[in-house]
Amino acid sequence: MLDDEQWVAAKVAAGAPEAMARMTLTTFQAAPEGRFAGTDPLPAELLGREPRSVADQFAPPTA
């Protein structure tokens, strides 16, 4: 298992910009901490309806 700095170094060695590798790492670290679990009411306010989920976006059309 790689530590954070080894993971970043591996991504940079594979051609990723260091800033992008570090941003991706922080996203991976934040997800299991539940930092993306909440929702903001603003999209519903702007749309005038509840936003569709990703699953809804990719679901086949109903007849």
PDB file of N, CA and C in Angstrom:
ATOM      1  N   MET A   1       0.846  -1.169   0.000  1.00  0.00           N
ATOM      2  CA  MET A   1       0.000   0.000   0.000  1.00  0.00           C
ATOM      3  C   MET A   1       0.898   1.242   0.000  1.00  0.00           C
ATOM      4  N   LEU A   2       0.510   2.216  -0.779  1.00  0.00           N
ATOM      5  CA  LEU A   2       1.281   3.458  -0.889  1.00  0.00           C
ATOM      6  C   LEU A   2       0.797   4.479   0.127  1.00  0.00           C
ATOM      7  N   ASP A   3       1.733   5.246   0.680  1.00  0.00           N
ATOM      8  CA  ASP A   3       1.294   6.375   1.490  1.00  0.00           C
ATOM      9  C   ASP A   3       0.920   7.513   0.530  1.00  0.00           C
ATOM     10  N   ASP A   4       0.396   8.588   1.079  1.00  0.00           N
ATOM     11  CA  ASP A   4      -0.106   9.683   0.239  1.00  0.00           C
ATOM     12  C   ASP A   4       0.952  10.233  -0.708  1.00  0.00           C
ATOM     13  N   GLU A   5       2.148  10.493  -0.195  1.00  0.00           N
ATOM     14  CA  GLU A   5       3.198  11.070  -1.028  1.00  0.00           C
ATOM     15  C   GLU A   5       3.656  10.099  -2.112  1.00  0.00           C
ATOM     16  N   GLN A   6       3.708   8.823  -1.803  1.00  0.00           N
ATOM     17  CA  GLN A   6       4.071   7.820  -2.816  1.00  0.00           C
ATOM     18  C   GLN A   6       2.995   7.769  -3.900  1.00  0.00           C
ATOM     19  N   TRP A   7       1.733   7.865  -3.486  1.00  0.00           N
ATOM     20  CA  TRP A   7       0.628   7.827  -4.453  1.00  0.00           C
ATOM     21  C   TRP A   7       0.716   9.028  -5.394  1.00  0.00           C
ATOM     22  N   VAL A   8       0.939  10.224  -4.827  1.00  0.00           N
ATOM     23  CA  VAL A   8       1.078  11.433  -5.647  1.00  0.00           C
ATOM     24  C   VAL A   8       2.261  11.284  -6.587  1.00  0.00           C
ATOM     25  N   ALA A   9       3.387  10.807  -6.078  1.00  0.00           N
ATOM     26  CA  ALA A   9       4.578  10.640  -6.913  1.00  0.00           C
ATOM     27  C   ALA A   9       4.316   9.661  -8.056  1.00  0.00           C
ATOM     28  N   ALA A  10       3.578   8.609  -7.798  1.00  0.00           N
ATOM     29  CA  ALA A  10       3.266   7.636  -8.847  1.00  0.00           C
ATOM     30  C   ALA A  10       2.392   8.263  -9.933  1.00  0.00           C
ATOM     31  N   LYS A  11       1.433   9.070  -9.531  1.00  0.00           N
ATOM     32  CA  LYS A  11       0.562   9.740 -10.516  1.00  0.00           C
ATOM     33  C   LYS A  11       1.358  10.742 -11.349  1.00  0.00           C
ATOM     34  N   VAL A  12       2.245  11.490 -10.692  1.00  0.00           N
ATOM     35  CA  VAL A  12       3.088  12.459 -11.407  1.00  0.00           C
ATOM     36  C   VAL A  12       4.010  11.719 -12.370  1.00  0.00           C
ATOM     37  N   ALA A  13       4.583  10.612 -11.933  1.00  0.00           N
ATOM     38  CA  ALA A  13       5.460   9.816 -12.809  1.00  0.00           C
ATOM     39  C   ALA A  13       4.699   9.273 -14.007  1.00  0.00           C
ATOM     40  N   ALA A  14       3.395   9.052 -13.830  1.00  0.00           N
ATOM     41  CA  ALA A  14       2.568   8.552 -14.929  1.00  0.00           C
ATOM     42  C   ALA A  14       2.088   9.672 -15.843  1.00  0.00           C
ATOM     43  N   GLY A  15       2.436  10.932 -15.509  1.00  0.00           N
ATOM     44  CA  GLY A  15       2.115  12.044 -16.394  1.00  0.00           C
ATOM     45  C   GLY A  15       1.081  13.027 -15.885  1.00  0.00           C
ATOM     46  N   ALA A  16       0.523  12.791 -14.703  1.00  0.00           N
ATOM     47  CA  ALA A  16      -0.472  13.723 -14.172  1.00  0.00           C
ATOM     48  C   ALA A  16       0.232  14.951 -13.587  1.00  0.00           C
ATOM     49  N   PRO A  17      -0.342  16.124 -13.760  1.00  0.00           N
ATOM     50  CA  PRO A  17       0.219  17.296 -13.082  1.00  0.00           C
ATOM     51  C   PRO A  17       0.118  17.099 -11.569  1.00  0.00           C
ATOM     52  N   GLU A  18       1.121  17.550 -10.832  1.00  0.00           N
ATOM     53  CA  GLU A  18       1.125  17.338  -9.382  1.00  0.00           C
ATOM     54  C   GLU A  18      -0.113  17.931  -8.718  1.00  0.00           C
ATOM     55  N   ALA A  19      -0.532  19.114  -9.135  1.00  0.00           N
ATOM     56  CA  ALA A  19      -1.711  19.746  -8.526  1.00  0.00           C
ATOM     57  C   ALA A  19      -2.949  18.876  -8.721  1.00  0.00           C
ATOM     58  N   MET A  20      -3.091  18.278  -9.894  1.00  0.00           N
ATOM     59  CA  MET A  20      -4.247  17.414 -10.150  1.00  0.00           C
ATOM     60  C   MET A  20      -4.168  16.152  -9.299  1.00  0.00           C
ATOM     61  N   ALA A  21      -2.977  15.582  -9.171  1.00  0.00           N
ATOM     62  CA  ALA A  21      -2.808  14.389  -8.348  1.00  0.00           C
ATOM     63  C   ALA A  21      -3.171  14.690  -6.896  1.00  0.00           C
ATOM     64  N   ARG A  22      -2.746  15.830  -6.387  1.00  0.00           N
ATOM     65  CA  ARG A  22      -3.056  16.186  -4.998  1.00  0.00           C
ATOM     66  C   ARG A  22      -4.546  16.471  -4.815  1.00  0.00           C
ATOM     67  N   MET A  23      -5.174  17.105  -5.781  1.00  0.00           N
ATOM     68  CA  MET A  23      -6.611  17.353  -5.687  1.00  0.00           C
ATOM     69  C   MET A  23      -7.380  16.033  -5.700  1.00  0.00           C
ATOM     70  N   THR A  24      -6.973  15.122  -6.566  1.00  0.00           N
ATOM     71  CA  THR A  24      -7.631  13.819  -6.621  1.00  0.00           C
ATOM     72  C   THR A  24      -7.462  13.079  -5.302  1.00  0.00           C
ATOM     73  N   LEU A  25      -6.277  13.144  -4.731  1.00  0.00           N
ATOM     74  CA  LEU A  25      -6.023  12.502  -3.449  1.00  0.00           C
ATOM     75  C   LEU A  25      -6.955  13.049  -2.373  1.00  0.00           C
ATOM     76  N   THR A  26      -7.111  14.363  -2.316  1.00  0.00           N
ATOM     77  CA  THR A  26      -7.987  14.925  -1.283  1.00  0.00           C
ATOM     78  C   THR A  26      -9.434  14.495  -1.493  1.00  0.00           C
ATOM     79  N   THR A  27      -9.846  14.320  -2.744  1.00  0.00           N
ATOM     80  CA  THR A  27     -11.192  13.817  -3.018  1.00  0.00           C
ATOM     81  C   THR A  27     -11.336  12.395  -2.500  1.00  0.00           C
ATOM     82  N   PHE A  28     -10.348  11.556  -2.770  1.00  0.00           N
ATOM     83  CA  PHE A  28     -10.384  10.182  -2.280  1.00  0.00           C
ATOM     84  C   PHE A  28     -10.388  10.131  -0.759  1.00  0.00           C
ATOM     85  N   GLN A  29      -9.705  11.058  -0.117  1.00  0.00           N
ATOM     86  CA  GLN A  29      -9.663  11.094   1.345  1.00  0.00           C
ATOM     87  C   GLN A  29     -10.986  11.599   1.927  1.00  0.00           C
ATOM     88  N   ALA A  30     -11.617  12.529   1.254  1.00  0.00           N
ATOM     89  CA  ALA A  30     -12.840  13.132   1.776  1.00  0.00           C
ATOM     90  C   ALA A  30     -14.059  12.215   1.636  1.00  0.00           C
ATOM     91  N   ALA A  31     -14.102  11.414   0.598  1.00  0.00           N
ATOM     92  CA  ALA A  31     -15.287  10.583   0.336  1.00  0.00           C
ATOM     93  C   ALA A  31     -15.633   9.654   1.495  1.00  0.00           C
ATOM     94  N   PRO A  32     -14.704   8.855   2.015  1.00  0.00           N
ATOM     95  CA  PRO A  32     -15.088   7.969   3.110  1.00  0.00           C
ATOM     96  C   PRO A  32     -15.402   8.705   4.417  1.00  0.00           C
ATOM     97  N   GLU A  33     -15.002   9.968   4.493  1.00  0.00           N
ATOM     98  CA  GLU A  33     -15.321  10.779   5.664  1.00  0.00           C
ATOM     99  C   GLU A  33     -16.735  11.347   5.577  1.00  0.00           C
ATOM    100  N   GLY A  34     -17.428  11.095   4.457  1.00  0.00           N
ATOM    101  CA  GLY A  34     -18.800  11.558   4.291  1.00  0.00           C
ATOM    102  C   GLY A  34     -18.933  13.005   3.875  1.00  0.00           C
ATOM    103  N   ARG A  35     -17.867  13.591   3.384  1.00  0.00           N
ATOM    104  CA  ARG A  35     -17.925  15.016   3.032  1.00  0.00           C
ATOM    105  C   ARG A  35     -18.778  15.318   1.812  1.00  0.00           C
ATOM    106  N   PHE A  36     -19.181  14.308   1.073  1.00  0.00           N
ATOM    107  CA  PHE A  36     -20.039  14.523  -0.096  1.00  0.00           C
ATOM    108  C   PHE A  36     -21.450  14.010   0.148  1.00  0.00           C
ATOM    109  N   ALA A  37     -21.765  13.667   1.390  1.00  0.00           N
ATOM    110  CA  ALA A  37     -23.050  13.058   1.711  1.00  0.00           C
ATOM    111  C   ALA A  37     -24.185  14.076   1.719  1.00  0.00           C
ATOM    112  N   GLY A  38     -23.889  15.305   2.014  1.00  0.00           N
ATOM    113  CA  GLY A  38     -24.940  16.315   2.104  1.00  0.00           C
ATOM    114  C   GLY A  38     -25.353  16.848   0.750  1.00  0.00           C
ATOM    115  N   THR A  39     -26.508  17.447   0.728  1.00  0.00           N
ATOM    116  CA  THR A  39     -26.989  18.084  -0.500  1.00  0.00           C
ATOM    117  C   THR A  39     -27.332  19.537  -0.198  1.00  0.00           C
ATOM    118  N   ASP A  40     -27.305  20.334  -1.217  1.00  0.00           N
ATOM    119  CA  ASP A  40     -27.605  21.745  -1.092  1.00  0.00           C
ATOM    120  C   ASP A  40     -28.970  21.997  -1.734  1.00  0.00           C
ATOM    121  N   PRO A  41     -29.817  22.786  -1.131  1.00  0.00           N
ATOM    122  CA  PRO A  41     -31.135  23.046  -1.718  1.00  0.00           C
ATOM    123  C   PRO A  41     -31.102  23.982  -2.929  1.00  0.00           C
ATOM    124  N   LEU A  42     -29.976  24.620  -3.195  1.00  0.00           N
ATOM    125  CA  LEU A  42     -29.911  25.598  -4.278  1.00  0.00           C
ATOM    126  C   LEU A  42     -30.279  25.029  -5.651  1.00  0.00           C
ATOM    127  N   PRO A  43     -29.784  23.845  -6.058  1.00  0.00           N
ATOM    128  CA  PRO A  43     -30.188  23.350  -7.383  1.00  0.00           C
ATOM    129  C   PRO A  43     -31.705  23.232  -7.545  1.00  0.00           C
ATOM    130  N   ALA A  44     -32.389  22.737  -6.526  1.00  0.00           N
ATOM    131  CA  ALA A  44     -33.854  22.629  -6.607  1.00  0.00           C
ATOM    132  C   ALA A  44     -34.488  24.009  -6.727  1.00  0.00           C
ATOM    133  N   GLU A  45     -33.963  24.980  -5.996  1.00  0.00           N
ATOM    134  CA  GLU A  45     -34.494  26.337  -6.083  1.00  0.00           C
ATOM    135  C   GLU A  45     -34.293  26.912  -7.479  1.00  0.00           C
ATOM    136  N   LEU A  46     -33.106  26.695  -8.048  1.00  0.00           N
ATOM    137  CA  LEU A  46     -32.814  27.236  -9.376  1.00  0.00           C
ATOM    138  C   LEU A  46     -33.628  26.545 -10.464  1.00  0.00           C
ATOM    139  N   LEU A  47     -33.804  25.235 -10.324  1.00  0.00           N
ATOM    140  CA  LEU A  47     -34.542  24.475 -11.333  1.00  0.00           C
ATOM    141  C   LEU A  47     -36.055  24.578 -11.181  1.00  0.00           C
ATOM    142  N   GLY A  48     -36.501  24.875  -9.976  1.00  0.00           N
ATOM    143  CA  GLY A  48     -37.934  24.888  -9.715  1.00  0.00           C
ATOM    144  C   GLY A  48     -38.485  23.475  -9.551  1.00  0.00           C
ATOM    145  N   ARG A  49     -37.613  22.508  -9.361  1.00  0.00           N
ATOM    146  CA  ARG A  49     -37.986  21.102  -9.150  1.00  0.00           C
ATOM    147  C   ARG A  49     -36.795  20.403  -8.529  1.00  0.00           C
ATOM    148  N   GLU A  50     -37.012  19.201  -8.038  1.00  0.00           N
ATOM    149  CA  GLU A  50     -35.903  18.431  -7.497  1.00  0.00           C
ATOM    150  C   GLU A  50     -35.001  17.971  -8.638  1.00  0.00           C
ATOM    151  N   PRO A  51     -33.703  18.048  -8.473  1.00  0.00           N
ATOM    152  CA  PRO A  51     -32.792  17.555  -9.509  1.00  0.00           C
ATOM    153  C   PRO A  51     -32.930  16.049  -9.665  1.00  0.00           C
ATOM    154  N   ARG A  52     -32.630  15.554 -10.857  1.00  0.00           N
ATOM    155  CA  ARG A  52     -32.638  14.111 -11.101  1.00  0.00           C
ATOM    156  C   ARG A  52     -31.315  13.531 -10.642  1.00  0.00           C
ATOM    157  N   SER A  53     -31.368  12.279 -10.238  1.00  0.00           N
ATOM    158  CA  SER A  53     -30.151  11.594  -9.821  1.00  0.00           C
ATOM    159  C   SER A  53     -29.363  11.152 -11.044  1.00  0.00           C
ATOM    160  N   VAL A  54     -28.132  10.772 -10.822  1.00  0.00           N
ATOM    161  CA  VAL A  54     -27.313  10.229 -11.908  1.00  0.00           C
ATOM    162  C   VAL A  54     -27.969   8.969 -12.460  1.00  0.00           C
ATOM    163  N   ALA A  55     -28.489   8.133 -11.566  1.00  0.00           N
ATOM    164  CA  ALA A  55     -29.168   6.902 -12.017  1.00  0.00           C
ATOM    165  C   ALA A  55     -30.348   7.248 -12.922  1.00  0.00           C
ATOM    166  N   ASP A  56     -31.108   8.286 -12.568  1.00  0.00           N
ATOM    167  CA  ASP A  56     -32.229   8.707 -13.418  1.00  0.00           C
ATOM    168  C   ASP A  56     -31.753   9.193 -14.780  1.00  0.00           C
ATOM    169  N   GLN A  57     -30.626   9.883 -14.809  1.00  0.00           N
ATOM    170  CA  GLN A  57     -30.087  10.401 -16.063  1.00  0.00           C
ATOM    171  C   GLN A  57     -29.754   9.270 -17.038  1.00  0.00           C
ATOM    172  N   PHE A  58     -29.290   8.145 -16.504  1.00  0.00           N
ATOM    173  CA  PHE A  58     -28.850   7.049 -17.358  1.00  0.00           C
ATOM    174  C   PHE A  58     -29.888   5.943 -17.528  1.00  0.00           C
ATOM    175  N   ALA A  59     -31.018   6.085 -16.869  1.00  0.00           N
ATOM    176  CA  ALA A  59     -32.067   5.069 -16.988  1.00  0.00           C
ATOM    177  C   ALA A  59     -32.666   5.104 -18.389  1.00  0.00           C
ATOM    178  N   PRO A  60     -33.042   3.941 -18.931  1.00  0.00           N
ATOM    179  CA  PRO A  60     -33.667   3.948 -20.261  1.00  0.00           C
ATOM    180  C   PRO A  60     -34.992   4.697 -20.212  1.00  0.00           C
ATOM    181  N   PRO A  61     -35.353   5.318 -21.313  1.00  0.00           N
ATOM    182  CA  PRO A  61     -36.623   6.073 -21.326  1.00  0.00           C
ATOM    183  C   PRO A  61     -37.808   5.119 -21.134  1.00  0.00           C
ATOM    184  N   THR A  62     -38.822   5.626 -20.463  1.00  0.00           N
ATOM    185  CA  THR A  62     -40.030   4.830 -20.270  1.00  0.00           C
ATOM    186  C   THR A  62     -41.035   5.195 -21.347  1.00  0.00           C
ATOM    187  N   ALA A  63     -41.807   4.217 -21.714  1.00  0.00           N
ATOM    188  CA  ALA A  63     -42.771   4.429 -22.795  1.00  0.00           C
ATOM    189  C   ALA A  63     -44.042   5.046 -22.296  1.00  0.00           C
TER     190      ALA A  63
END
